[in-house]
Amino acid sequence: VPTGKLAMRCQTLGRANPGENSLMAAAALSMGNLFNLSENVSSVLKNSVTTNSNLPVINGGSAGGDSSLEQQLDLVAKLIVSGAPTRAWSVSLGGFDTHANEANAQSTLLGNVSYSIRKFFNAINTSSRSSDVTMLVYSEFGRRVKANASQGTDHGTSGPVLVIGDRINGGMYGEQPQLNKLIDGDLAVTTDFRDIYASLLERDLSADPSQILNGWKGRISSLYK
């Protein structure tokens, strides 16, 4: 964000004025939120001491998310608890494109995911935000069932999705794919991802899923308590 005199002018633009139209009021709110978020981020970053120096190196392919998942979620948790106005956050972890030597890499990666998520919710659950945070965990793509010649798996179609939070009814949704009923070597897709997205958009963000998912009507009705 700007500093000095320019920052002062921008902060003036972020103050609401009586009588201004809705568009100008929305622009002012956005500008004010930008400076509030910047202040929160600066405070959080000053108190963040986690480093990547002792993290294991994972040989499983890239695909984005090169920084520590633990660090990313730690920062998001601190920003949520500090009152940052952002409603949706995105983090990522690379290394899952395991075309070779999958077993060891995936074991390390999934352990990283499990630990980082548990640490995130431990922080959230000790705050006033414990009941209004929902996490969606998903992969860019699935994997084939059968291993290739390099003891890895190639790109597949279906994959698991995890939805985590106090408002979620725990359990498995959809049907368990059967290994003896593959579709061209892939696990069968039993739940449409748009049902999940639509449920989260509607319940967590108070958004109209039909406007975002091109009129999609599907929901997972029992997903939320």
Protein backbone atom coordinates (compact mmCIF):
# COMPACT_ATOMS: atom_id res chain seq x y z
CA VAL A 1 0.00 0.00 0.00
CA PRO A 2 1.10 3.62 -0.44
CA THR A 3 3.05 5.42 2.27
CA GLY A 4 3.58 9.03 3.24
CA LYS A 5 1.38 11.79 1.84
CA LEU A 6 -0.12 9.49 -0.79
CA ALA A 7 -1.22 7.09 1.96
CA MET A 8 -2.90 9.94 3.83
CA ARG A 9 -4.82 10.93 0.70
CA CYS A 10 -5.87 7.33 0.06
CA GLN A 11 -7.02 6.91 3.67
CA THR A 12 -9.12 10.04 3.26
CA LEU A 13 -10.79 8.38 0.26
CA GLY A 14 -11.54 5.41 2.52
CA ARG A 15 -13.70 7.43 4.89
CA ALA A 16 -17.47 7.32 4.36
CA ASN A 17 -19.18 10.62 3.57
CA PRO A 18 -22.89 11.31 4.16
CA GLY A 19 -24.90 11.56 0.97
CA GLU A 20 -22.52 9.71 -1.34
CA ASN A 21 -24.00 7.11 -3.69
CA SER A 22 -23.71 3.36 -3.11
CA LEU A 23 -20.87 2.92 -5.62
CA MET A 24 -18.72 5.57 -3.95
CA ALA A 25 -19.53 4.13 -0.51
CA ALA A 26 -18.44 0.67 -1.68
CA ALA A 27 -15.21 2.10 -3.10
CA ALA A 28 -14.52 3.91 0.17
CA LEU A 29 -15.14 0.73 2.16
CA SER A 30 -12.73 -1.20 -0.07
CA MET A 31 -10.03 1.43 0.39
CA GLY A 32 -10.54 1.44 4.15
CA ASN A 33 -10.40 -2.37 4.25
CA LEU A 34 -7.15 -2.32 2.27
CA PHE A 35 -5.39 -0.19 4.87
CA ASN A 36 -6.90 -2.14 7.78
CA LEU A 37 -5.73 -5.41 6.25
CA SER A 38 -2.27 -3.97 5.59
CA GLU A 39 -1.99 -2.98 9.24
CA ASN A 40 -3.10 -6.45 10.38
CA VAL A 41 -0.72 -8.21 8.00
CA SER A 42 2.24 -6.08 9.10
CA SER A 43 1.54 -6.87 12.75
CA VAL A 44 1.17 -10.60 12.06
CA LEU A 45 4.31 -10.83 9.93
CA LYS A 46 6.40 -9.15 12.63
CA ASN A 47 5.37 -11.90 15.06
CA SER A 48 5.85 -14.79 12.62
CA VAL A 49 9.04 -16.72 13.33
CA THR A 50 8.41 -19.99 11.46
CA THR A 51 11.07 -20.78 8.85
CA ASN A 52 11.51 -23.36 6.12
CA SER A 53 15.08 -24.23 7.11
CA ASN A 54 14.21 -27.49 8.87
CA LEU A 55 11.51 -28.72 6.49
CA PRO A 56 12.11 -32.01 4.60
CA VAL A 57 12.72 -31.94 0.85
CA ILE A 58 10.00 -33.84 -1.00
CA ASN A 59 10.70 -35.38 -4.41
CA GLY A 60 7.26 -35.81 -5.87
CA GLY A 61 6.95 -33.24 -8.65
CA SER A 62 5.95 -29.63 -8.38
CA ALA A 63 2.51 -28.11 -9.19
CA GLY A 64 2.66 -24.94 -7.14
CA GLY A 65 2.54 -24.16 -3.44
CA ASP A 66 6.31 -24.14 -2.92
CA SER A 67 6.23 -22.51 0.52
CA SER A 68 5.40 -24.29 3.76
CA LEU A 69 1.73 -25.17 4.16
CA GLU A 70 2.15 -24.79 7.90
CA GLN A 71 3.44 -21.23 7.42
CA GLN A 72 0.63 -20.33 5.04
CA LEU A 73 -2.12 -21.62 7.33
CA ASP A 74 -0.45 -20.09 10.38
CA LEU A 75 -0.58 -16.68 8.71
CA VAL A 76 -4.20 -17.15 7.61
CA ALA A 77 -5.23 -18.19 11.14
CA LYS A 78 -3.59 -15.11 12.64
CA LEU A 79 -5.27 -12.83 10.10
CA ILE A 80 -8.69 -14.39 10.72
CA VAL A 81 -8.32 -14.08 14.48
CA SER A 82 -7.11 -10.47 14.13
CA GLY A 83 -10.32 -9.55 12.31
CA ALA A 84 -9.13 -9.21 8.71
CA PRO A 85 -12.24 -8.61 6.54
CA THR A 86 -11.28 -11.15 3.86
CA ARG A 87 -13.93 -13.87 3.55
CA ALA A 88 -12.10 -16.45 1.43
CA TRP A 89 -8.46 -17.49 1.71
CA SER A 90 -6.46 -19.82 -0.55
CA VAL A 91 -3.29 -21.75 0.28
CA SER A 92 -1.59 -24.60 -1.57
CA LEU A 93 1.01 -27.33 -1.28
CA GLY A 94 2.92 -28.76 -4.22
CA GLY A 95 4.63 -32.11 -4.61
CA PHE A 96 1.61 -34.34 -5.24
CA ASP A 97 2.33 -34.97 -8.93
CA THR A 98 3.81 -38.32 -7.96
CA HIS A 99 4.60 -40.08 -11.24
CA ALA A 100 7.51 -41.87 -9.55
CA ASN A 101 8.29 -43.27 -6.08
CA GLU A 102 4.88 -42.28 -4.80
CA ALA A 103 4.69 -44.15 -1.50
CA ASN A 104 7.36 -42.25 0.45
CA ALA A 105 6.57 -38.82 -1.00
CA GLN A 106 2.84 -39.14 -0.43
CA SER A 107 3.29 -40.34 3.13
CA THR A 108 5.37 -37.25 3.93
CA LEU A 109 2.99 -34.92 2.10
CA LEU A 110 -0.16 -36.23 3.77
CA GLY A 111 1.53 -36.03 7.16
CA ASN A 112 2.34 -32.38 6.39
CA VAL A 113 -1.27 -31.70 5.41
CA SER A 114 -2.65 -33.40 8.52
CA TYR A 115 -0.31 -31.58 10.91
CA SER A 116 -0.82 -28.17 9.28
CA ILE A 117 -4.62 -28.44 9.30
CA ARG A 118 -4.69 -29.61 12.92
CA LYS A 119 -2.46 -26.71 13.96
CA PHE A 120 -4.67 -24.25 12.04
CA PHE A 121 -7.86 -25.39 13.74
CA ASN A 122 -6.18 -25.47 17.15
CA ALA A 123 -5.53 -21.75 16.67
CA ILE A 124 -9.01 -21.01 15.31
CA ASN A 125 -10.83 -23.03 17.97
CA THR A 126 -9.31 -21.01 20.80
CA SER A 127 -10.68 -17.78 19.31
CA SER A 128 -14.08 -16.19 18.85
CA ARG A 129 -14.06 -17.33 15.20
CA SER A 130 -14.29 -21.05 15.93
CA SER A 131 -17.87 -21.43 14.70
CA ASP A 132 -17.63 -19.49 11.44
CA VAL A 133 -14.60 -20.96 9.65
CA THR A 134 -14.99 -23.74 7.08
CA MET A 135 -12.07 -25.35 5.24
CA LEU A 136 -12.28 -27.04 1.85
CA VAL A 137 -9.39 -29.37 0.96
CA TYR A 138 -9.16 -30.53 -2.64
CA SER A 139 -6.64 -31.57 -5.28
CA GLU A 140 -6.07 -30.16 -8.74
CA PHE A 141 -6.62 -33.63 -10.19
CA GLY A 142 -6.94 -37.25 -9.11
CA ARG A 143 -4.60 -40.20 -9.67
CA ARG A 144 -4.94 -43.47 -11.55
CA VAL A 145 -5.47 -46.62 -9.49
CA LYS A 146 -2.78 -48.79 -11.05
CA ALA A 147 0.88 -47.93 -10.47
CA ASN A 148 3.06 -47.14 -13.48
CA ALA A 149 6.51 -48.60 -14.21
CA SER A 150 8.18 -45.99 -11.98
CA GLN A 151 6.19 -46.96 -8.88
CA GLY A 152 4.08 -43.85 -9.12
CA THR A 153 0.63 -43.08 -10.49
CA ASP A 154 -0.41 -40.97 -13.44
CA HIS A 155 -3.17 -38.37 -13.69
CA GLY A 156 -6.68 -39.63 -13.00
CA THR A 157 -10.19 -38.23 -12.83
CA SER A 158 -11.92 -38.50 -9.46
CA GLY A 159 -10.43 -37.53 -6.12
CA PRO A 160 -11.44 -36.92 -2.49
CA VAL A 161 -12.62 -33.60 -1.06
CA LEU A 162 -12.52 -32.77 2.65
CA VAL A 163 -14.83 -30.20 4.26
CA ILE A 164 -13.85 -29.26 7.82
CA GLY A 165 -15.42 -26.97 10.41
CA ASP A 166 -17.68 -26.72 13.46
CA ARG A 167 -20.76 -26.26 11.28
CA ILE A 168 -20.14 -29.41 9.23
CA ASN A 169 -21.86 -32.74 9.83
CA GLY A 170 -18.95 -35.17 9.88
CA GLY A 171 -19.08 -38.29 7.76
CA MET A 172 -18.64 -39.59 4.25
CA TYR A 173 -20.79 -38.18 1.44
CA GLY A 174 -21.22 -39.98 -1.84
CA GLU A 175 -20.53 -43.64 -2.51
CA GLN A 176 -17.27 -45.44 -1.81
CA PRO A 177 -15.69 -46.07 -5.26
CA GLN A 178 -15.11 -49.76 -5.96
CA LEU A 179 -11.76 -50.98 -7.22
CA ASN A 180 -13.43 -53.67 -9.32
CA LYS A 181 -15.67 -51.17 -11.11
CA LEU A 182 -13.20 -48.72 -12.63
CA ILE A 183 -14.03 -46.46 -15.56
CA ASP A 184 -11.16 -46.63 -18.06
CA GLY A 185 -8.78 -47.30 -15.20
CA ASP A 186 -10.12 -44.51 -12.98
CA LEU A 187 -12.24 -44.51 -9.84
CA ALA A 188 -15.87 -43.66 -10.54
CA VAL A 189 -16.99 -40.13 -9.66
CA THR A 190 -19.89 -40.44 -7.19
CA THR A 191 -20.35 -36.78 -6.16
CA ASP A 192 -20.37 -33.73 -8.41
CA PHE A 193 -17.93 -31.11 -7.12
CA ARG A 194 -20.48 -28.42 -7.97
CA ASP A 195 -22.79 -29.80 -5.27
CA ILE A 196 -20.03 -29.14 -2.74
CA TYR A 197 -19.14 -25.70 -4.08
CA ALA A 198 -22.79 -24.66 -4.22
CA SER A 199 -23.36 -25.74 -0.61
CA LEU A 200 -20.37 -23.73 0.62
CA LEU A 201 -21.23 -20.67 -1.45
CA GLU A 202 -24.78 -20.66 -0.10
CA ARG A 203 -24.12 -21.48 3.55
CA ASP A 204 -20.75 -19.85 4.23
CA LEU A 205 -20.66 -16.88 1.87
CA SER A 206 -24.41 -16.19 1.54
CA ALA A 207 -23.89 -16.15 -2.23
CA ASP A 208 -26.24 -17.30 -4.98
CA PRO A 209 -24.57 -20.41 -6.46
CA SER A 210 -26.63 -20.18 -9.65
CA GLN A 211 -24.89 -16.89 -10.48
CA ILE A 212 -21.45 -18.48 -10.11
CA LEU A 213 -22.06 -22.07 -11.24
CA ASN A 214 -24.18 -21.28 -14.29
CA GLY A 215 -27.55 -22.10 -12.78
CA TRP A 216 -26.43 -25.23 -10.91
CA LYS A 217 -29.14 -26.52 -8.56
CA GLY A 218 -27.42 -29.43 -6.79
CA ARG A 219 -26.61 -29.31 -3.08
CA ILE A 220 -25.47 -31.70 -0.34
CA SER A 221 -28.39 -31.00 1.95
CA SER A 222 -27.06 -32.75 5.06
CA LEU A 223 -23.52 -31.34 4.87
CA TYR A 224 -24.24 -28.56 7.38
CA LYS A 225 -25.65 -28.91 10.87
